[in-house]
Amino acid sequence: MQILSKEQLRRNLDEVIWNIERARISVSEHHIVKLVGVAKYTAPENIRTLYELGQRAFGENQVQQLKERMQLLEDLPLEWHMIGTLQKNKINNLIDLQPSLMQSLDSIDLAAELNKKLQAKSKTMHCLLQINSAQEESKSGVSPEQAIDIYQQIKERCAHIVLKGVMSIGAHSDDYAIIQKSFETTYRIFDNLKKEGATVCSMGMSGDYELAIRCGSNLVRIGSTLFKS
């Protein structure tokens, strides 16, 4: 894994923050957006440097990778997010790591299993419901049509899960309008769920985060753009 210079990482971070600011202001000057750095393809040293530059929140796609990173960087007060698909046999491991936010709760089935294991350990976990707004078979998540109902069911049945909002991945397309539609679908659902206490709308990655913010996202997950050489 390539270790990048502080200057390069500063340039990358400044560029991302500048783009976030520009998109954010186009929505409203009161619209706050959180940046989560996606660290899966980068050396831990680069995370450490970004911390020195002021970045605090980082996400991992796999429980094992999350554990390794948390251990290597345990001297830093970082905020860790689980953003990838969670396999049921890894639930206990994730609970023990106590991430700040589990962003990829992608079914009622997973919620029930997670809740059961949280209960057994007398723990709670902050989670986002993942919505497959693009309706693509390759993506995890609940369907847009069922999202509000499933969100409410999890809130009612899973006392150890603290739902904070929703997450989705933009449509895999070169057509701007299709990607925008997938983000708008997620945002509409989020807007509906505000009365249920939803505060986080996580959407947007390196290729589409500015569009996602303009569609209402208040949390973006940026990997390759932050860690490019």
Protein backbone atom coordinates (compact mmCIF):
# COMPACT_ATOMS: atom_id res chain seq x y z
CA MET A 1 0.00 0.00 0.00
CA GLN A 2 1.35 3.37 -1.03
CA ILE A 3 2.21 5.90 1.68
CA LEU A 4 1.35 9.38 0.44
CA SER A 5 3.08 12.60 1.42
CA LYS A 6 1.38 15.01 3.79
CA GLU A 7 1.34 17.59 0.99
CA GLN A 8 -0.48 15.23 -1.37
CA LEU A 9 -3.04 14.25 1.27
CA ARG A 10 -3.56 17.90 2.17
CA ARG A 11 -4.22 18.72 -1.51
CA ASN A 12 -6.68 15.82 -1.78
CA LEU A 13 -8.50 16.73 1.43
CA ASP A 14 -8.66 20.43 0.49
CA GLU A 15 -10.09 19.56 -2.92
CA VAL A 16 -12.79 17.32 -1.43
CA ILE A 17 -13.71 19.87 1.24
CA TRP A 18 -13.85 22.64 -1.36
CA ASN A 19 -16.22 20.55 -3.52
CA ILE A 20 -18.37 19.65 -0.50
CA GLU A 21 -18.58 23.33 0.46
CA ARG A 22 -19.59 24.39 -3.03
CA ALA A 23 -22.32 21.73 -3.24
CA ARG A 24 -23.47 22.35 0.34
CA ILE A 25 -23.85 26.11 -0.15
CA SER A 26 -25.93 25.48 -3.28
CA VAL A 27 -28.46 23.72 -1.01
CA SER A 28 -28.29 26.11 1.95
CA GLU A 29 -25.57 27.70 4.03
CA HIS A 30 -27.14 25.89 6.99
CA HIS A 31 -26.76 22.48 5.33
CA ILE A 32 -23.98 20.63 7.19
CA VAL A 33 -22.23 17.68 5.51
CA LYS A 34 -20.07 15.11 7.28
CA LEU A 35 -17.10 13.57 5.46
CA VAL A 36 -16.24 9.92 6.15
CA GLY A 37 -12.96 8.77 4.62
CA VAL A 38 -13.18 5.27 3.18
CA ALA A 39 -9.88 3.68 4.05
CA LYS A 40 -10.09 0.18 2.57
CA TYR A 41 -7.38 0.54 -0.10
CA THR A 42 -4.96 2.75 1.78
CA ALA A 43 -2.09 2.38 4.23
CA PRO A 44 -2.83 3.13 7.91
CA GLU A 45 -0.11 5.82 7.79
CA ASN A 46 -2.28 7.81 5.37
CA ILE A 47 -5.17 7.73 7.85
CA ARG A 48 -2.81 8.98 10.54
CA THR A 49 -1.72 11.86 8.31
CA LEU A 50 -5.31 12.79 7.48
CA TYR A 51 -6.03 12.81 11.21
CA GLU A 52 -3.18 15.34 11.62
CA LEU A 53 -4.86 17.40 8.88
CA GLY A 54 -8.15 17.42 10.78
CA GLN A 55 -10.12 14.46 9.38
CA ARG A 56 -11.74 12.39 12.14
CA ALA A 57 -14.30 9.95 10.67
CA PHE A 58 -13.28 6.87 8.68
CA GLY A 59 -15.18 3.88 7.33
CA GLU A 60 -14.34 0.29 6.46
CA ASN A 61 -16.21 -2.23 4.31
CA GLN A 62 -15.19 -5.38 6.18
CA VAL A 63 -15.30 -6.21 9.88
CA GLN A 64 -11.82 -7.78 9.85
CA GLN A 65 -10.30 -4.73 8.15
CA LEU A 66 -12.11 -2.45 10.60
CA LYS A 67 -10.69 -4.40 13.53
CA GLU A 68 -7.13 -4.25 12.17
CA ARG A 69 -7.32 -0.51 11.50
CA MET A 70 -8.85 0.24 14.89
CA GLN A 71 -6.06 -1.68 16.62
CA LEU A 72 -3.27 -0.08 14.56
CA LEU A 73 -4.62 3.41 15.19
CA GLU A 74 -6.04 2.96 18.67
CA ASP A 75 -3.94 5.86 20.00
CA LEU A 76 -6.02 8.28 17.88
CA PRO A 77 -9.55 9.36 18.85
CA LEU A 78 -11.04 8.38 15.49
CA GLU A 79 -14.71 7.89 14.69
CA TRP A 80 -15.16 4.55 12.90
CA HIS A 81 -18.04 3.59 10.61
CA MET A 82 -18.95 0.17 9.23
CA ILE A 83 -20.08 0.80 5.65
CA GLY A 84 -19.97 -2.59 3.94
CA THR A 85 -22.31 -5.58 3.88
CA LEU A 86 -22.39 -7.30 7.27
CA GLN A 87 -22.37 -11.09 7.25
CA LYS A 88 -24.31 -12.64 10.12
CA ASN A 89 -21.32 -14.67 11.32
CA LYS A 90 -19.43 -11.38 11.86
CA ILE A 91 -22.12 -9.66 13.97
CA ASN A 92 -20.56 -10.47 17.36
CA ASN A 93 -17.14 -9.25 16.14
CA LEU A 94 -18.67 -5.95 15.01
CA ILE A 95 -20.53 -5.46 18.31
CA ASP A 96 -17.24 -5.89 20.19
CA LEU A 97 -15.63 -3.17 18.03
CA GLN A 98 -18.41 -0.69 18.90
CA PRO A 99 -18.33 1.43 15.72
CA SER A 100 -19.81 4.94 15.94
CA LEU A 101 -22.23 4.07 13.15
CA MET A 102 -23.17 0.93 11.23
CA GLN A 103 -24.33 2.30 7.88
CA SER A 104 -25.32 -0.87 6.05
CA LEU A 105 -28.29 -2.42 7.83
CA ASP A 106 -29.76 -3.89 4.67
CA SER A 107 -32.70 -6.10 5.75
CA ILE A 108 -35.22 -6.73 8.51
CA ASP A 109 -33.66 -10.17 8.84
CA LEU A 110 -30.21 -8.73 9.59
CA ALA A 111 -31.76 -6.23 12.01
CA ALA A 112 -33.46 -9.03 13.98
CA GLU A 113 -30.21 -11.02 14.22
CA LEU A 114 -28.15 -7.95 15.16
CA ASN A 115 -30.69 -6.94 17.79
CA LYS A 116 -30.69 -10.42 19.33
CA LYS A 117 -26.91 -10.42 19.68
CA LEU A 118 -26.81 -6.83 20.95
CA GLN A 119 -29.37 -7.79 23.59
CA ALA A 120 -27.27 -10.77 24.68
CA LYS A 121 -24.30 -8.44 25.20
CA SER A 122 -26.41 -5.63 26.76
CA LYS A 123 -25.24 -3.24 24.04
CA THR A 124 -26.86 -0.87 21.55
CA MET A 125 -25.68 0.17 18.10
CA HIS A 126 -26.39 3.25 15.98
CA CYS A 127 -27.39 2.16 12.47
CA LEU A 128 -28.60 3.43 9.11
CA LEU A 129 -31.11 1.52 7.01
CA GLN A 130 -29.60 0.81 3.59
CA ILE A 131 -31.98 1.44 0.70
CA ASN A 132 -31.44 0.03 -2.78
CA SER A 133 -32.79 3.16 -4.44
CA ALA A 134 -31.24 2.30 -7.80
CA GLN A 135 -33.10 -1.06 -7.67
CA GLU A 136 -30.01 -2.87 -8.96
CA GLU A 137 -29.58 -6.59 -8.26
CA SER A 138 -25.89 -6.10 -7.51
CA LYS A 139 -26.69 -3.79 -4.58
CA SER A 140 -27.81 -4.61 -1.05
CA GLY A 141 -30.62 -2.81 0.71
CA VAL A 142 -34.37 -2.69 1.13
CA SER A 143 -36.58 -1.58 -1.74
CA PRO A 144 -37.71 2.07 -1.75
CA GLU A 145 -41.34 0.92 -1.58
CA GLN A 146 -40.76 -0.97 1.67
CA ALA A 147 -38.19 1.32 3.28
CA ILE A 148 -40.49 3.40 5.50
CA ASP A 149 -42.41 0.37 6.70
CA ILE A 150 -39.20 -1.59 7.47
CA TYR A 151 -37.67 1.42 9.24
CA GLN A 152 -40.72 1.65 11.49
CA GLN A 153 -40.72 -2.12 12.12
CA ILE A 154 -37.05 -2.06 13.19
CA LYS A 155 -37.75 0.89 15.50
CA GLU A 156 -40.66 -0.98 17.10
CA ARG A 157 -39.14 -4.46 17.35
CA CYS A 158 -35.41 -3.92 17.79
CA ALA A 159 -34.87 -2.02 21.02
CA HIS A 160 -31.08 -2.39 20.89
CA ILE A 161 -30.77 -0.79 17.44
CA VAL A 162 -30.80 3.00 17.38
CA LEU A 163 -31.81 4.01 13.87
CA LYS A 164 -30.28 7.34 12.86
CA GLY A 165 -31.38 7.56 9.22
CA VAL A 166 -30.71 6.02 5.82
CA MET A 167 -27.89 5.14 3.44
CA SER A 168 -27.78 4.34 -0.25
CA ILE A 169 -25.35 3.92 -3.13
CA GLY A 170 -26.02 5.93 -6.28
CA ALA A 171 -27.09 4.19 -9.47
CA HIS A 172 -24.24 2.55 -11.39
CA SER A 173 -24.70 4.53 -14.58
CA ASP A 174 -23.03 7.11 -16.81
CA ASP A 175 -26.39 8.85 -17.10
CA TYR A 176 -26.45 11.79 -14.70
CA ALA A 177 -30.26 11.82 -14.62
CA ILE A 178 -30.45 8.16 -13.51
CA ILE A 179 -27.95 8.72 -10.69
CA GLN A 180 -29.80 11.87 -9.62
CA LYS A 181 -33.13 10.01 -9.58
CA SER A 182 -31.68 7.32 -7.27
CA PHE A 183 -30.46 10.00 -4.83
CA GLU A 184 -33.76 11.88 -4.97
CA THR A 185 -35.59 8.64 -4.15
CA THR A 186 -33.45 8.13 -1.04
CA TYR A 187 -33.83 11.73 0.03
CA ARG A 188 -37.64 11.59 -0.28
CA ILE A 189 -37.68 8.57 2.04
CA PHE A 190 -35.30 10.31 4.47
CA ASP A 191 -37.49 13.41 4.46
CA ASN A 192 -40.47 11.22 5.33
CA LEU A 193 -38.55 9.56 8.16
CA LYS A 194 -37.51 12.81 9.85
CA LYS A 195 -40.68 12.55 11.93
CA GLU A 196 -39.34 9.15 13.10
CA GLY A 197 -36.17 10.91 14.31
CA ALA A 198 -33.99 10.30 11.23
CA THR A 199 -31.11 12.80 11.05
CA VAL A 200 -28.55 11.13 8.73
CA CYS A 201 -28.89 10.79 4.95
CA SER A 202 -25.70 9.03 3.82
CA MET A 203 -25.23 9.05 0.06
CA GLY A 204 -22.46 9.98 -2.31
CA MET A 205 -19.04 8.49 -3.00
CA SER A 206 -15.94 9.70 -4.88
CA GLY A 207 -17.63 9.80 -8.29
CA ASP A 208 -20.95 11.39 -7.35
CA TYR A 209 -20.75 13.07 -3.93
CA GLU A 210 -21.35 16.63 -5.19
CA LEU A 211 -24.55 15.53 -6.92
CA ALA A 212 -25.57 13.58 -3.79
CA ILE A 213 -25.13 16.68 -1.61
CA ARG A 214 -27.20 18.77 -4.02
CA CYS A 215 -29.90 16.09 -3.66
CA GLY A 216 -29.85 16.45 0.14
CA SER A 217 -27.11 14.12 1.42
CA ASN A 218 -25.56 15.16 4.74
CA LEU A 219 -22.92 12.42 4.93
CA VAL A 220 -20.57 11.41 2.11
CA ARG A 221 -18.24 8.40 1.96
CA ILE A 222 -15.07 9.29 0.05
CA GLY A 223 -12.25 6.84 -0.72
CA SER A 224 -10.25 7.01 -3.95
CA THR A 225 -10.42 10.81 -4.28
CA LEU A 226 -8.96 11.30 -0.79
CA PHE A 227 -6.17 8.77 -1.29
CA LYS A 228 -5.12 9.42 -4.89
CA SER A 229 -1.40 9.88 -5.55
